[in-house]
Amino acid sequence: MHVKKGDMVVVISGDDKGKKGKILKAFPKTGKVLVEGVNIVTKHQKPRPGIQQAGIIHEEAPINSSKVMLFCPNCNRGVRYKTEILENGEKIRVCKKCNESLDK
């Protein structure tokens, strides 16, 4: 998968096109990601004694990872990236437009 937990991404297609958010969870087997504030669904919750109240809650649902693009804070938009290997053998992701590191 081209993105991982903690990455800032921008949605490139669908109802939430243009929204930015951080990846909360990645599901590599299904190819989906859970993005903060994106793909909000309404869920009707039954009460559980001592644990949870009943009601209508709004929460994020997973979207396909192909619908998100890694966000570059330097370019201020979604970008493609390339992988570079440093002298110490560490791999980092680098923006193809501005050649800035996307990994912290």
N, C-alpha and C. Protein backbone atom coordinates (compact mmCIF):
# COMPACT_ATOMS: atom_id res chain seq x y z
N MET A 1 0.84 -1.17 0.00
CA MET A 1 0.00 0.00 0.00
C MET A 1 0.90 1.25 0.00
N HIS A 2 0.49 2.27 -0.71
CA HIS A 2 1.34 3.46 -0.88
C HIS A 2 1.24 4.47 0.26
N VAL A 3 0.33 4.26 1.20
CA VAL A 3 0.20 5.15 2.37
C VAL A 3 0.19 4.30 3.63
N LYS A 4 0.48 4.95 4.78
CA LYS A 4 0.51 4.21 6.03
C LYS A 4 -0.11 5.06 7.14
N LYS A 5 -0.29 4.46 8.30
CA LYS A 5 -0.90 5.13 9.44
C LYS A 5 -0.10 6.38 9.81
N GLY A 6 -0.81 7.49 10.02
CA GLY A 6 -0.17 8.73 10.41
C GLY A 6 0.13 9.68 9.26
N ASP A 7 0.01 9.22 8.02
CA ASP A 7 0.26 10.08 6.85
C ASP A 7 -0.87 11.09 6.67
N MET A 8 -0.51 12.29 6.19
CA MET A 8 -1.52 13.26 5.78
C MET A 8 -1.83 12.98 4.32
N VAL A 9 -3.12 12.84 4.02
CA VAL A 9 -3.54 12.54 2.65
C VAL A 9 -4.64 13.50 2.22
N VAL A 10 -4.85 13.56 0.91
CA VAL A 10 -5.94 14.33 0.34
C VAL A 10 -6.77 13.36 -0.52
N VAL A 11 -8.10 13.48 -0.45
CA VAL A 11 -8.99 12.60 -1.21
C VAL A 11 -9.08 13.14 -2.63
N ILE A 12 -8.89 12.27 -3.63
CA ILE A 12 -8.84 12.72 -5.02
C ILE A 12 -10.10 12.39 -5.82
N SER A 13 -11.01 11.58 -5.25
CA SER A 13 -12.25 11.30 -5.97
C SER A 13 -13.35 10.91 -4.99
N GLY A 14 -14.58 11.02 -5.44
CA GLY A 14 -15.72 10.65 -4.61
C GLY A 14 -16.39 11.86 -3.99
N ASP A 15 -17.31 11.60 -3.06
CA ASP A 15 -18.08 12.66 -2.42
C ASP A 15 -17.23 13.60 -1.60
N ASP A 16 -16.14 13.11 -1.02
CA ASP A 16 -15.28 13.91 -0.15
C ASP A 16 -14.05 14.44 -0.87
N LYS A 17 -14.13 14.59 -2.19
CA LYS A 17 -13.00 15.05 -2.99
C LYS A 17 -12.48 16.39 -2.47
N GLY A 18 -11.15 16.47 -2.29
CA GLY A 18 -10.51 17.70 -1.85
C GLY A 18 -10.28 17.79 -0.35
N LYS A 19 -10.89 16.90 0.43
CA LYS A 19 -10.71 16.94 1.89
C LYS A 19 -9.36 16.36 2.27
N LYS A 20 -8.75 16.97 3.31
CA LYS A 20 -7.48 16.49 3.83
C LYS A 20 -7.71 15.85 5.18
N GLY A 21 -6.88 14.90 5.53
CA GLY A 21 -6.98 14.26 6.84
C GLY A 21 -5.84 13.31 7.08
N LYS A 22 -5.72 12.90 8.34
CA LYS A 22 -4.66 11.98 8.74
C LYS A 22 -5.22 10.56 8.72
N ILE A 23 -4.41 9.61 8.31
CA ILE A 23 -4.83 8.22 8.28
C ILE A 23 -4.81 7.68 9.71
N LEU A 24 -5.98 7.23 10.17
CA LEU A 24 -6.11 6.69 11.52
C LEU A 24 -5.76 5.21 11.55
N LYS A 25 -6.11 4.49 10.49
CA LYS A 25 -5.86 3.06 10.44
C LYS A 25 -5.78 2.62 8.98
N ALA A 26 -4.91 1.66 8.70
CA ALA A 26 -4.77 1.11 7.36
C ALA A 26 -5.13 -0.37 7.38
N PHE A 27 -5.82 -0.81 6.35
CA PHE A 27 -6.22 -2.21 6.20
C PHE A 27 -5.60 -2.76 4.91
N PRO A 28 -4.33 -3.23 4.97
CA PRO A 28 -3.64 -3.66 3.76
C PRO A 28 -4.28 -4.84 3.04
N LYS A 29 -4.91 -5.75 3.77
CA LYS A 29 -5.52 -6.93 3.13
C LYS A 29 -6.67 -6.54 2.22
N THR A 30 -7.45 -5.54 2.62
CA THR A 30 -8.59 -5.10 1.81
C THR A 30 -8.26 -3.88 0.96
N GLY A 31 -7.10 -3.27 1.19
CA GLY A 31 -6.70 -2.10 0.41
C GLY A 31 -7.47 -0.85 0.79
N LYS A 32 -7.89 -0.75 2.04
CA LYS A 32 -8.67 0.40 2.49
C LYS A 32 -7.96 1.15 3.60
N VAL A 33 -8.34 2.42 3.78
CA VAL A 33 -7.78 3.25 4.84
C VAL A 33 -8.91 4.00 5.54
N LEU A 34 -8.68 4.32 6.81
CA LEU A 34 -9.63 5.09 7.61
C LEU A 34 -9.02 6.48 7.78
N VAL A 35 -9.67 7.50 7.17
CA VAL A 35 -9.14 8.85 7.17
C VAL A 35 -9.98 9.73 8.09
N GLU A 36 -9.31 10.53 8.91
CA GLU A 36 -9.96 11.40 9.88
C GLU A 36 -10.83 12.44 9.18
N GLY A 37 -12.14 12.45 9.50
CA GLY A 37 -13.08 13.43 8.96
C GLY A 37 -13.56 13.17 7.54
N VAL A 38 -13.29 11.99 7.00
CA VAL A 38 -13.67 11.66 5.63
C VAL A 38 -14.59 10.45 5.63
N ASN A 39 -15.58 10.44 4.75
CA ASN A 39 -16.54 9.35 4.60
C ASN A 39 -17.30 9.09 5.91
N ILE A 40 -17.92 10.14 6.41
CA ILE A 40 -18.68 10.06 7.66
C ILE A 40 -20.00 9.35 7.40
N VAL A 41 -20.28 8.32 8.20
CA VAL A 41 -21.53 7.57 8.08
C VAL A 41 -22.33 7.71 9.37
N THR A 42 -23.64 7.55 9.26
CA THR A 42 -24.52 7.61 10.41
C THR A 42 -24.81 6.19 10.86
N LYS A 43 -24.65 5.95 12.16
CA LYS A 43 -24.83 4.61 12.70
C LYS A 43 -25.83 4.68 13.86
N HIS A 44 -26.81 3.80 13.87
CA HIS A 44 -27.79 3.73 14.95
C HIS A 44 -27.29 2.71 15.96
N GLN A 45 -26.97 3.19 17.15
CA GLN A 45 -26.33 2.37 18.17
C GLN A 45 -27.35 1.88 19.20
N LYS A 46 -27.35 0.59 19.50
CA LYS A 46 -28.19 0.03 20.57
C LYS A 46 -27.47 0.21 21.90
N PRO A 47 -28.20 0.35 22.98
CA PRO A 47 -27.54 0.53 24.27
C PRO A 47 -26.89 -0.76 24.76
N ARG A 48 -25.80 -0.60 25.48
CA ARG A 48 -25.15 -1.73 26.15
C ARG A 48 -25.04 -1.33 27.62
N PRO A 49 -25.54 -2.15 28.48
CA PRO A 49 -25.56 -1.79 29.91
C PRO A 49 -24.17 -1.51 30.46
N GLY A 50 -24.01 -0.31 31.02
CA GLY A 50 -22.75 0.06 31.65
C GLY A 50 -21.64 0.45 30.71
N ILE A 51 -21.84 0.26 29.40
CA ILE A 51 -20.77 0.56 28.45
C ILE A 51 -21.13 1.74 27.56
N GLN A 52 -22.32 1.68 26.95
CA GLN A 52 -22.63 2.63 25.90
C GLN A 52 -24.08 3.06 25.95
N GLN A 53 -24.33 4.33 25.60
CA GLN A 53 -25.69 4.82 25.50
C GLN A 53 -26.20 4.58 24.09
N ALA A 54 -27.52 4.55 23.97
CA ALA A 54 -28.13 4.40 22.66
C ALA A 54 -28.16 5.75 21.96
N GLY A 55 -28.26 5.74 20.65
CA GLY A 55 -28.38 6.99 19.91
C GLY A 55 -27.83 6.87 18.51
N ILE A 56 -27.88 7.99 17.82
CA ILE A 56 -27.35 8.07 16.46
C ILE A 56 -25.96 8.67 16.56
N ILE A 57 -24.96 7.94 16.07
CA ILE A 57 -23.58 8.43 16.12
C ILE A 57 -23.04 8.58 14.70
N HIS A 58 -22.10 9.47 14.54
CA HIS A 58 -21.46 9.69 13.25
C HIS A 58 -20.00 9.27 13.38
N GLU A 59 -19.53 8.43 12.46
CA GLU A 59 -18.15 7.96 12.51
C GLU A 59 -17.60 7.78 11.11
N GLU A 60 -16.27 7.69 11.03
CA GLU A 60 -15.61 7.49 9.74
C GLU A 60 -15.73 6.04 9.30
N ALA A 61 -15.87 5.85 8.00
CA ALA A 61 -15.88 4.51 7.42
C ALA A 61 -14.67 4.41 6.49
N PRO A 62 -14.13 3.20 6.29
CA PRO A 62 -12.96 3.05 5.42
C PRO A 62 -13.27 3.40 3.96
N ILE A 63 -12.28 3.95 3.27
CA ILE A 63 -12.37 4.19 1.83
C ILE A 63 -11.20 3.50 1.15
N ASN A 64 -11.32 3.30 -0.14
CA ASN A 64 -10.28 2.63 -0.90
C ASN A 64 -9.01 3.48 -0.93
N SER A 65 -7.87 2.85 -0.76
CA SER A 65 -6.61 3.59 -0.71
C SER A 65 -6.25 4.23 -2.05
N SER A 66 -6.86 3.75 -3.13
CA SER A 66 -6.59 4.35 -4.44
C SER A 66 -7.26 5.72 -4.58
N LYS A 67 -8.16 6.06 -3.67
CA LYS A 67 -8.85 7.35 -3.71
C LYS A 67 -8.14 8.43 -2.92
N VAL A 68 -7.00 8.10 -2.31
CA VAL A 68 -6.25 9.10 -1.55
C VAL A 68 -4.85 9.26 -2.14
N MET A 69 -4.30 10.47 -1.94
CA MET A 69 -2.97 10.79 -2.43
C MET A 69 -2.18 11.42 -1.30
N LEU A 70 -0.93 11.10 -1.19
CA LEU A 70 -0.08 11.63 -0.14
C LEU A 70 0.01 13.15 -0.27
N PHE A 71 -0.12 13.87 0.86
CA PHE A 71 -0.14 15.33 0.87
C PHE A 71 1.25 15.87 1.17
N CYS A 72 1.73 16.81 0.36
CA CYS A 72 3.02 17.46 0.58
C CYS A 72 2.77 18.84 1.16
N PRO A 73 3.23 19.12 2.39
CA PRO A 73 3.00 20.44 2.99
C PRO A 73 3.77 21.55 2.27
N ASN A 74 4.86 21.21 1.60
CA ASN A 74 5.64 22.20 0.85
C ASN A 74 4.90 22.66 -0.41
N CYS A 75 4.37 21.70 -1.17
CA CYS A 75 3.63 22.01 -2.40
C CYS A 75 2.17 22.39 -2.09
N ASN A 76 1.70 22.03 -0.90
CA ASN A 76 0.33 22.28 -0.44
C ASN A 76 -0.71 21.60 -1.33
N ARG A 77 -0.41 20.36 -1.74
CA ARG A 77 -1.35 19.57 -2.55
C ARG A 77 -0.95 18.10 -2.52
N GLY A 78 -1.80 17.26 -3.09
CA GLY A 78 -1.49 15.84 -3.19
C GLY A 78 -0.43 15.62 -4.25
N VAL A 79 0.55 14.78 -3.95
CA VAL A 79 1.67 14.57 -4.87
C VAL A 79 2.00 13.10 -5.01
N ARG A 80 2.72 12.80 -6.09
CA ARG A 80 3.32 11.49 -6.23
C ARG A 80 4.68 11.54 -5.56
N TYR A 81 5.20 10.39 -5.20
CA TYR A 81 6.48 10.37 -4.50
C TYR A 81 7.39 9.31 -5.07
N LYS A 82 8.67 9.46 -4.75
CA LYS A 82 9.66 8.44 -5.12
C LYS A 82 10.38 8.02 -3.85
N THR A 83 10.96 6.86 -3.85
CA THR A 83 11.66 6.33 -2.70
C THR A 83 13.16 6.50 -2.92
N GLU A 84 13.81 7.09 -1.93
CA GLU A 84 15.26 7.24 -1.99
C GLU A 84 15.89 6.51 -0.82
N ILE A 85 17.09 6.00 -1.03
CA ILE A 85 17.81 5.28 0.02
C ILE A 85 18.95 6.18 0.50
N LEU A 86 18.99 6.44 1.79
CA LEU A 86 20.05 7.27 2.38
C LEU A 86 21.32 6.46 2.55
N GLU A 87 22.41 7.14 2.96
CA GLU A 87 23.70 6.48 3.13
C GLU A 87 23.65 5.39 4.19
N ASN A 88 22.81 5.61 5.24
CA ASN A 88 22.73 4.62 6.32
C ASN A 88 21.78 3.46 5.98
N GLY A 89 21.25 3.43 4.75
CA GLY A 89 20.39 2.34 4.31
C GLY A 89 18.91 2.57 4.57
N GLU A 90 18.57 3.70 5.16
CA GLU A 90 17.16 4.00 5.46
C GLU A 90 16.44 4.48 4.20
N LYS A 91 15.21 3.99 4.01
CA LYS A 91 14.39 4.41 2.88
C LYS A 91 13.49 5.56 3.31
N ILE A 92 13.41 6.60 2.48
CA ILE A 92 12.50 7.71 2.74
C ILE A 92 11.68 8.00 1.49
N ARG A 93 10.50 8.59 1.70
CA ARG A 93 9.65 9.00 0.58
C ARG A 93 9.90 10.48 0.30
N VAL A 94 10.10 10.80 -0.98
CA VAL A 94 10.43 12.16 -1.39
C VAL A 94 9.43 12.62 -2.44
N CYS A 95 8.95 13.88 -2.29
CA CYS A 95 8.02 14.48 -3.25
C CYS A 95 8.69 14.60 -4.61
N LYS A 96 7.98 14.24 -5.68
CA LYS A 96 8.56 14.32 -7.02
C LYS A 96 8.63 15.75 -7.52
N LYS A 97 7.78 16.65 -7.00
CA LYS A 97 7.77 18.04 -7.46
C LYS A 97 8.88 18.86 -6.82
N CYS A 98 8.96 18.82 -5.47
CA CYS A 98 9.87 19.73 -4.76
C CYS A 98 11.07 19.03 -4.13
N ASN A 99 11.17 17.72 -4.27
CA ASN A 99 12.28 16.92 -3.72
C ASN A 99 12.45 17.07 -2.21
N GLU A 100 11.36 17.35 -1.48
CA GLU A 100 11.40 17.42 -0.02
C GLU A 100 10.95 16.08 0.56
N SER A 101 11.49 15.71 1.71
CA SER A 101 11.14 14.46 2.36
C SER A 101 9.71 14.52 2.89
N LEU A 102 8.94 13.46 2.67
CA LEU A 102 7.56 13.37 3.17
C LEU A 102 7.49 12.59 4.46
N ASP A 103 8.58 11.91 4.84
CA ASP A 103 8.64 11.18 6.11
C ASP A 103 9.22 12.10 7.17
N LYS A 104 8.71 11.95 8.38
CA LYS A 104 9.19 12.80 9.46
C LYS A 104 10.48 12.31 10.03
